[in-house]
């Protein structure tokens, strides 16, 4: 298992290099530069200042050399080798003066600088917490709905569950978010549209529900399909013939085996909830990594775009890797290839 684990980790290197290559050339093919005017800064820099900045940041070099310098590293003016993104150096931000990409994404801001557990108050920490809450909602709600719908197949309970989950899969999350904001913030006045602080847990409920609703619906449908397939197997009939309690049959035999396809999607789902939260973060003005990513695209902040994309790719790859190891604990019949 250890050899398999390290072999899979080594495969992450070509994956990240490929993601870096594609992102870099798509990004640089778009018109404009980091020094152009934006919605926040109406004035663009004069040509001489732009040339000086491009020389300072190495943007005057050929594209192939810029890619190699960012991804793998390059020699600075003093002749010292500076390792690139493969060593965790995601580069300086071109729009936020004096800050690196790591500081923007992983350092606490506001009143939480220097506090214990300050990482959780960074942009990445906010997005990670929101993703974990959304995944928890998807598991707690989705699996029971799918299980109950399968056990009550072709009844009104099943039809209600299928209707709700079909709605959840079909409606885009940002549309659902806007509707819930209108209902709970405007009509009922239960929450603030843009809270002054995100330290209070009640403000996290709505973004977490909206972000996890689609995943919970898909999880419920997958659980129902897996349960319907498992409940017709011979070992389930044998367990009932032995006189086992229905609760033991459902949880110990049916649900445990039905969770294998569900686990397949939960690992990538967590990565997807963290990496795909930029729409929800924009709708709710949430101070997470996704919102910073959207702003960096509008500002053409090349290092922020590259660094955030690589972090997203790494999270997705690690989530897929973790699924393989969870399989072993859920189903002893599965063994990882050595």
Protein backbone atom coordinates (compact mmCIF):
# COMPACT_ATOMS: atom_id res chain seq x y z
CA UNK A 1 0.00 0.00 0.00
CA UNK A 2 2.85 2.40 0.79
CA UNK A 3 4.45 1.80 -2.62
CA UNK A 4 1.09 2.39 -4.31
CA UNK A 5 0.62 5.61 -2.35
CA UNK A 6 4.01 7.06 -3.33
CA UNK A 7 3.55 6.00 -6.94
CA UNK A 8 0.26 7.88 -7.08
CA UNK A 9 1.89 10.91 -5.47
CA UNK A 10 4.58 10.93 -8.15
CA UNK A 11 1.87 11.00 -10.81
CA UNK A 12 0.73 14.33 -9.38
CA UNK A 13 3.85 16.01 -10.78
CA UNK A 14 3.01 15.61 -14.51
CA UNK A 15 -0.63 16.43 -13.75
CA UNK A 16 0.28 19.74 -12.10
CA UNK A 17 2.80 20.58 -14.83
CA UNK A 18 0.12 20.00 -17.48
CA UNK A 19 -2.39 22.15 -15.59
CA UNK A 20 0.25 24.86 -15.23
CA UNK A 21 1.08 24.72 -18.95
CA UNK A 22 -2.55 24.94 -20.12
CA UNK A 23 -3.46 27.68 -17.62
CA UNK A 24 -0.39 29.76 -18.46
CA UNK A 25 -0.92 29.88 -22.20
CA UNK A 26 -4.68 30.36 -22.01
CA UNK A 27 -4.13 33.18 -19.52
CA UNK A 28 -1.47 34.86 -21.63
CA UNK A 29 -3.55 34.49 -24.80
CA UNK A 30 -6.21 36.77 -23.31
CA UNK A 31 -5.86 40.45 -24.21
CA UNK A 32 -4.63 42.99 -21.68
CA UNK A 33 -2.01 43.06 -18.94
CA UNK A 34 -1.91 43.47 -15.13
CA UNK A 35 -1.31 47.18 -15.55
CA UNK A 36 -4.53 47.97 -17.45
CA UNK A 37 -7.38 49.96 -15.95
CA UNK A 38 -9.96 48.01 -13.91
CA UNK A 39 -13.27 48.78 -12.24
CA UNK A 40 -11.39 49.64 -9.03
CA UNK A 41 -8.62 51.59 -10.70
CA UNK A 42 -9.93 53.61 -13.65
CA UNK A 43 -6.48 54.75 -14.78
CA UNK A 44 -3.93 52.54 -16.48
CA UNK A 45 -0.19 53.10 -16.04
CA UNK A 46 1.80 55.03 -18.60
CA UNK A 47 3.84 52.95 -21.11
CA UNK A 48 7.22 53.71 -19.54
CA UNK A 49 6.06 52.58 -16.09
CA UNK A 50 4.54 49.45 -17.60
CA UNK A 51 7.83 48.56 -19.28
CA UNK A 52 9.73 49.08 -16.03
CA UNK A 53 7.31 46.84 -14.15
CA UNK A 54 7.45 44.16 -16.84
CA UNK A 55 11.23 44.15 -16.62
CA UNK A 56 11.13 44.02 -12.82
CA UNK A 57 8.75 41.04 -12.77
CA UNK A 58 10.35 39.30 -15.77
CA UNK A 59 7.32 39.72 -18.03
CA UNK A 60 9.54 41.05 -20.82
CA UNK A 61 11.12 37.62 -21.31
CA UNK A 62 9.88 35.10 -23.91
CA UNK A 63 6.75 33.21 -22.90
CA UNK A 64 8.50 29.84 -22.73
CA UNK A 65 11.03 31.23 -20.28
CA UNK A 66 8.32 32.87 -18.17
CA UNK A 67 6.53 29.52 -17.96
CA UNK A 68 9.66 27.64 -16.94
CA UNK A 69 10.60 30.36 -14.43
CA UNK A 70 7.19 30.31 -12.77
CA UNK A 71 6.73 26.55 -12.77
CA UNK A 72 10.23 25.27 -12.08
CA UNK A 73 12.36 28.32 -11.23
CA UNK A 74 14.99 30.65 -12.70
CA UNK A 75 18.11 32.59 -11.78
CA UNK A 76 17.65 36.07 -10.34
CA UNK A 77 19.77 39.14 -11.05
CA UNK A 78 22.35 38.08 -8.47
CA UNK A 79 22.76 34.68 -10.11
CA UNK A 80 20.98 32.74 -7.36
CA UNK A 81 18.45 30.09 -8.35
CA UNK A 82 14.90 30.83 -7.19
CA UNK A 83 12.66 27.77 -7.18
CA UNK A 84 9.19 28.15 -8.70
CA UNK A 85 5.70 26.85 -8.04
CA UNK A 86 6.88 23.24 -7.75
CA UNK A 87 8.63 24.28 -4.53
CA UNK A 88 5.59 26.13 -3.22
CA UNK A 89 6.69 29.57 -4.43
CA UNK A 90 3.56 30.90 -6.12
CA UNK A 91 5.10 34.27 -6.89
CA UNK A 92 4.28 37.89 -6.06
CA UNK A 93 0.92 39.47 -6.75
CA UNK A 94 1.08 42.04 -9.54
CA UNK A 95 -1.93 43.98 -8.25
CA UNK A 96 -1.55 43.83 -4.46
CA UNK A 97 1.75 45.55 -3.84
CA UNK A 98 4.21 43.87 -1.50
CA UNK A 99 2.20 40.65 -1.08
CA UNK A 100 2.87 37.17 -2.39
CA UNK A 101 0.16 34.76 -3.49
CA UNK A 102 0.83 32.61 -0.42
CA UNK A 103 0.30 35.58 1.89
CA UNK A 104 -2.95 36.55 0.17
CA UNK A 105 -4.43 33.04 0.29
CA UNK A 106 -3.02 31.53 3.50
CA UNK A 107 -2.52 34.47 5.87
CA UNK A 108 -5.21 35.73 8.23
CA UNK A 109 -6.61 39.20 7.66
CA UNK A 110 -8.70 41.70 9.58
CA UNK A 111 -8.82 41.38 13.36
CA UNK A 112 -7.55 37.77 13.38
CA UNK A 113 -3.91 38.43 12.52
CA UNK A 114 -1.67 36.74 15.07
CA UNK A 115 -4.50 34.89 16.82
CA UNK A 116 -4.28 31.14 17.60
CA UNK A 117 -5.65 29.19 14.64
CA UNK A 118 -5.26 32.21 12.40
CA UNK A 119 -5.05 29.92 9.35
CA UNK A 120 -8.80 29.32 9.54
CA UNK A 121 -9.32 33.06 9.07
CA UNK A 122 -7.33 33.18 5.84
CA UNK A 123 -9.05 33.13 2.46
CA UNK A 124 -8.19 29.47 1.99
CA UNK A 125 -9.36 28.71 5.54
CA UNK A 126 -12.72 30.39 4.95
CA UNK A 127 -13.25 28.46 1.70
CA UNK A 128 -12.19 25.18 3.32
CA UNK A 129 -14.57 25.65 6.25
CA UNK A 130 -17.43 26.53 3.92
CA UNK A 131 -16.68 23.46 1.78
CA UNK A 132 -16.60 21.17 4.83
CA UNK A 133 -19.92 22.56 6.06
CA UNK A 134 -21.48 22.11 2.62
CA UNK A 135 -20.18 18.53 2.39
CA UNK A 136 -21.48 17.76 5.89
CA UNK A 137 -24.90 19.05 4.84
CA UNK A 138 -24.77 16.93 1.67
CA UNK A 139 -23.94 13.76 3.62
CA UNK A 140 -26.34 14.30 6.53
CA UNK A 141 -29.25 15.15 4.23
CA UNK A 142 -28.48 13.27 1.01
CA UNK A 143 -27.72 9.75 2.29
CA UNK A 144 -30.81 9.42 4.56
CA UNK A 145 -33.10 10.76 1.83
CA UNK A 146 -31.73 8.29 -0.70
CA UNK A 147 -31.93 5.40 1.75
CA UNK A 148 -35.52 6.15 2.81
CA UNK A 149 -36.61 6.66 -0.82
CA UNK A 150 -35.19 3.25 -1.75
CA UNK A 151 -36.83 1.49 1.19
CA UNK A 152 -40.17 3.15 0.31
CA UNK A 153 -39.89 2.68 -3.44
CA UNK A 154 -42.89 3.76 -5.55
CA UNK A 155 -44.61 5.43 -2.60
CA UNK A 156 -45.30 9.12 -2.03
CA UNK A 157 -42.12 9.29 0.08
CA UNK A 158 -40.08 8.06 -2.88
CA UNK A 159 -41.78 10.47 -5.28
CA UNK A 160 -41.26 13.41 -2.92
CA UNK A 161 -37.57 12.56 -2.53
CA UNK A 162 -37.09 12.18 -6.29
CA UNK A 163 -38.87 15.46 -6.96
CA UNK A 164 -36.80 17.35 -4.43
CA UNK A 165 -33.51 15.90 -5.62
CA UNK A 166 -34.40 16.53 -9.27
CA UNK A 167 -35.02 20.16 -8.36
CA UNK A 168 -31.70 20.30 -6.52
CA UNK A 169 -29.74 18.83 -9.43
CA UNK A 170 -31.45 21.03 -12.03
CA UNK A 171 -31.39 24.48 -10.41
CA UNK A 172 -28.02 26.31 -10.56
CA UNK A 173 -26.62 27.15 -7.15
CA UNK A 174 -26.38 30.88 -7.82
CA UNK A 175 -30.07 31.01 -8.78
CA UNK A 176 -31.01 29.18 -5.58
CA UNK A 177 -28.73 31.52 -3.63
CA UNK A 178 -30.44 34.62 -5.00
CA UNK A 179 -33.90 33.24 -4.22
CA UNK A 180 -32.94 32.36 -0.65
CA UNK A 181 -31.37 35.80 -0.16
CA UNK A 182 -34.65 37.39 -1.27
CA UNK A 183 -36.68 35.16 1.05
CA UNK A 184 -34.55 35.13 4.21
CA UNK A 185 -32.81 38.52 3.95
CA UNK A 186 -35.42 40.71 2.26
CA UNK A 187 -38.83 39.25 3.12
CA UNK A 188 -38.19 37.62 6.50
CA UNK A 189 -35.25 39.82 7.52
CA UNK A 190 -33.59 36.91 9.34
CA UNK A 191 -30.07 37.53 8.06
CA UNK A 192 -28.00 40.35 6.59
CA UNK A 193 -27.22 40.23 2.89
CA UNK A 194 -23.63 41.32 3.54
CA UNK A 195 -22.80 40.78 7.23
CA UNK A 196 -20.19 42.97 8.87
CA UNK A 197 -18.33 39.91 10.12
CA UNK A 198 -18.41 36.18 9.34
CA UNK A 199 -17.44 35.19 12.88
CA UNK A 200 -21.06 34.38 13.79
CA UNK A 201 -22.12 30.89 12.74
CA UNK A 202 -25.65 31.86 11.71
CA UNK A 203 -24.33 33.70 8.65
CA UNK A 204 -22.65 30.50 7.39
CA UNK A 205 -25.87 28.47 7.22
CA UNK A 206 -27.29 29.93 4.02
CA UNK A 207 -24.07 29.80 1.93
CA UNK A 208 -23.36 26.24 3.15
CA UNK A 209 -26.88 25.05 2.30
CA UNK A 210 -26.83 26.67 -1.12
CA UNK A 211 -23.36 25.30 -1.90
CA UNK A 212 -24.17 21.79 -0.68
CA UNK A 213 -27.74 21.49 -2.00
CA UNK A 214 -26.74 20.26 -5.46
CA UNK A 215 -24.27 17.75 -3.99
CA UNK A 216 -26.83 16.50 -1.45
CA UNK A 217 -29.38 15.97 -4.24
CA UNK A 218 -26.91 14.03 -6.37
CA UNK A 219 -25.82 12.02 -3.33
CA UNK A 220 -29.43 11.14 -2.52
CA UNK A 221 -30.14 9.93 -6.05
CA UNK A 222 -26.95 7.88 -6.14
CA UNK A 223 -27.67 6.38 -2.70
CA UNK A 224 -31.19 5.43 -3.77
CA UNK A 225 -29.95 3.73 -6.96
CA UNK A 226 -27.21 1.87 -5.07
CA UNK A 227 -29.63 0.77 -2.33
CA UNK A 228 -32.14 -0.55 -4.89
CA UNK A 229 -29.39 -2.61 -6.48
CA UNK A 230 -28.02 -3.94 -3.20
CA UNK A 231 -31.36 -4.82 -1.61
CA UNK A 232 -32.01 -7.40 -4.32
CA UNK A 233 -28.74 -9.26 -3.72
CA UNK A 234 -28.67 -12.82 -2.36
CA UNK A 235 -26.76 -11.94 0.83
CA UNK A 236 -29.52 -9.51 1.84
CA UNK A 237 -32.15 -12.26 1.50
CA UNK A 238 -29.87 -14.60 3.42
CA UNK A 239 -29.47 -12.05 6.23
CA UNK A 240 -33.25 -11.69 6.51
CA UNK A 241 -33.67 -15.48 6.41
CA UNK A 242 -31.34 -15.75 9.40
CA UNK A 243 -33.79 -13.64 11.38
CA UNK A 244 -31.59 -10.55 11.71
CA UNK A 245 -33.33 -7.35 12.73
CA UNK A 246 -34.30 -5.09 9.85
CA UNK A 247 -32.14 -2.31 11.24
CA UNK A 248 -29.08 -4.59 11.16
CA UNK A 249 -29.86 -5.72 7.61
CA UNK A 250 -30.36 -2.18 6.32
CA UNK A 251 -27.38 -0.54 8.03
CA UNK A 252 -24.92 -3.41 8.34
CA UNK A 253 -25.48 -5.11 5.00
CA UNK A 254 -27.32 -2.86 2.56
CA UNK A 255 -26.11 0.64 3.39
CA UNK A 256 -22.47 -0.31 3.90
CA UNK A 257 -22.21 -1.83 0.42
CA UNK A 258 -24.33 0.89 -1.17
CA UNK A 259 -21.93 3.55 0.12
CA UNK A 260 -19.09 2.44 -2.19
CA UNK A 261 -20.34 4.40 -5.26
CA UNK A 262 -21.30 7.29 -2.96
CA UNK A 263 -17.76 7.48 -1.55
CA UNK A 264 -16.50 7.64 -5.13
CA UNK A 265 -18.08 11.07 -5.53
CA UNK A 266 -17.66 12.43 -2.00
CA UNK A 267 -13.88 12.87 -2.24
CA UNK A 268 -13.99 14.88 -5.48
CA UNK A 269 -17.16 16.54 -4.17
CA UNK A 270 -15.26 18.10 -1.26
CA UNK A 271 -12.62 19.40 -3.65
CA UNK A 272 -15.37 20.60 -5.95
CA UNK A 273 -17.16 22.39 -3.13
CA UNK A 274 -13.95 24.16 -2.10
CA UNK A 275 -12.81 24.95 -5.63
CA UNK A 276 -16.24 25.63 -7.08
CA UNK A 277 -17.43 27.96 -4.36
CA UNK A 278 -16.33 31.12 -6.17
CA UNK A 279 -19.85 31.70 -7.54
CA UNK A 280 -21.44 31.36 -4.09
CA UNK A 281 -18.69 33.46 -2.52
CA UNK A 282 -19.38 36.19 -5.06
CA UNK A 283 -23.15 36.04 -4.48
CA UNK A 284 -22.79 36.25 -0.69
CA UNK A 285 -19.66 38.50 -0.71
CA UNK A 286 -17.89 35.74 1.20
CA UNK A 287 -14.20 36.46 1.98
CA UNK A 288 -12.89 33.19 0.57
CA UNK A 289 -10.32 32.07 -1.96
CA UNK A 290 -12.86 31.76 -4.76
CA UNK A 291 -13.83 35.42 -4.58
CA UNK A 292 -10.16 36.44 -4.62
CA UNK A 293 -9.73 34.19 -7.67
CA UNK A 294 -12.55 35.92 -9.54
CA UNK A 295 -11.12 39.35 -8.72
CA UNK A 296 -7.65 38.30 -9.88
CA UNK A 297 -9.05 37.20 -13.25
CA UNK A 298 -10.68 40.60 -13.74
CA UNK A 299 -7.43 42.32 -12.74
CA UNK A 300 -5.26 39.96 -14.89
CA UNK A 301 -3.10 39.19 -11.86
CA UNK A 302 -1.13 36.40 -13.52
CA UNK A 303 0.51 34.97 -10.42
CA UNK A 304 -2.76 34.86 -8.48
CA UNK A 305 -4.50 33.09 -11.36
CA UNK A 306 -1.71 30.55 -11.78
CA UNK A 307 -1.23 29.93 -8.06
CA UNK A 308 -4.92 29.53 -7.25
CA UNK A 309 -5.47 27.22 -10.23
CA UNK A 310 -2.58 24.98 -9.13
CA UNK A 311 -3.99 24.82 -5.59
CA UNK A 312 -7.39 23.85 -6.98
CA UNK A 313 -5.81 21.16 -9.19
CA UNK A 314 -3.83 19.77 -6.25
CA UNK A 315 -6.96 19.57 -4.09
CA UNK A 316 -8.88 17.68 -6.78
CA UNK A 317 -5.98 15.25 -7.33
CA UNK A 318 -5.57 14.58 -3.59
CA UNK A 319 -9.33 14.08 -3.22
CA UNK A 320 -9.32 11.43 -5.95
CA UNK A 321 -6.34 9.76 -4.29
CA UNK A 322 -8.04 9.71 -0.88
CA UNK A 323 -11.07 7.89 -2.32
CA UNK A 324 -8.91 4.86 -3.19
CA UNK A 325 -7.79 4.51 0.41
CA UNK A 326 -11.26 4.99 1.89
CA UNK A 327 -12.46 2.08 -0.27
CA UNK A 328 -10.24 -0.31 1.68
CA UNK A 329 -11.83 0.61 5.02
CA UNK A 330 -15.40 0.45 3.71
CA UNK A 331 -15.09 -2.81 1.77
CA UNK A 332 -12.40 -5.30 2.96
CA UNK A 333 -12.71 -7.13 -0.37
CA UNK A 334 -11.00 -4.23 -2.12
CA UNK A 335 -7.22 -4.22 -2.09
CA UNK A 336 -4.95 -1.55 -3.50
CA UNK A 337 -2.61 -2.68 -6.24
CA UNK A 338 0.98 -2.93 -5.05
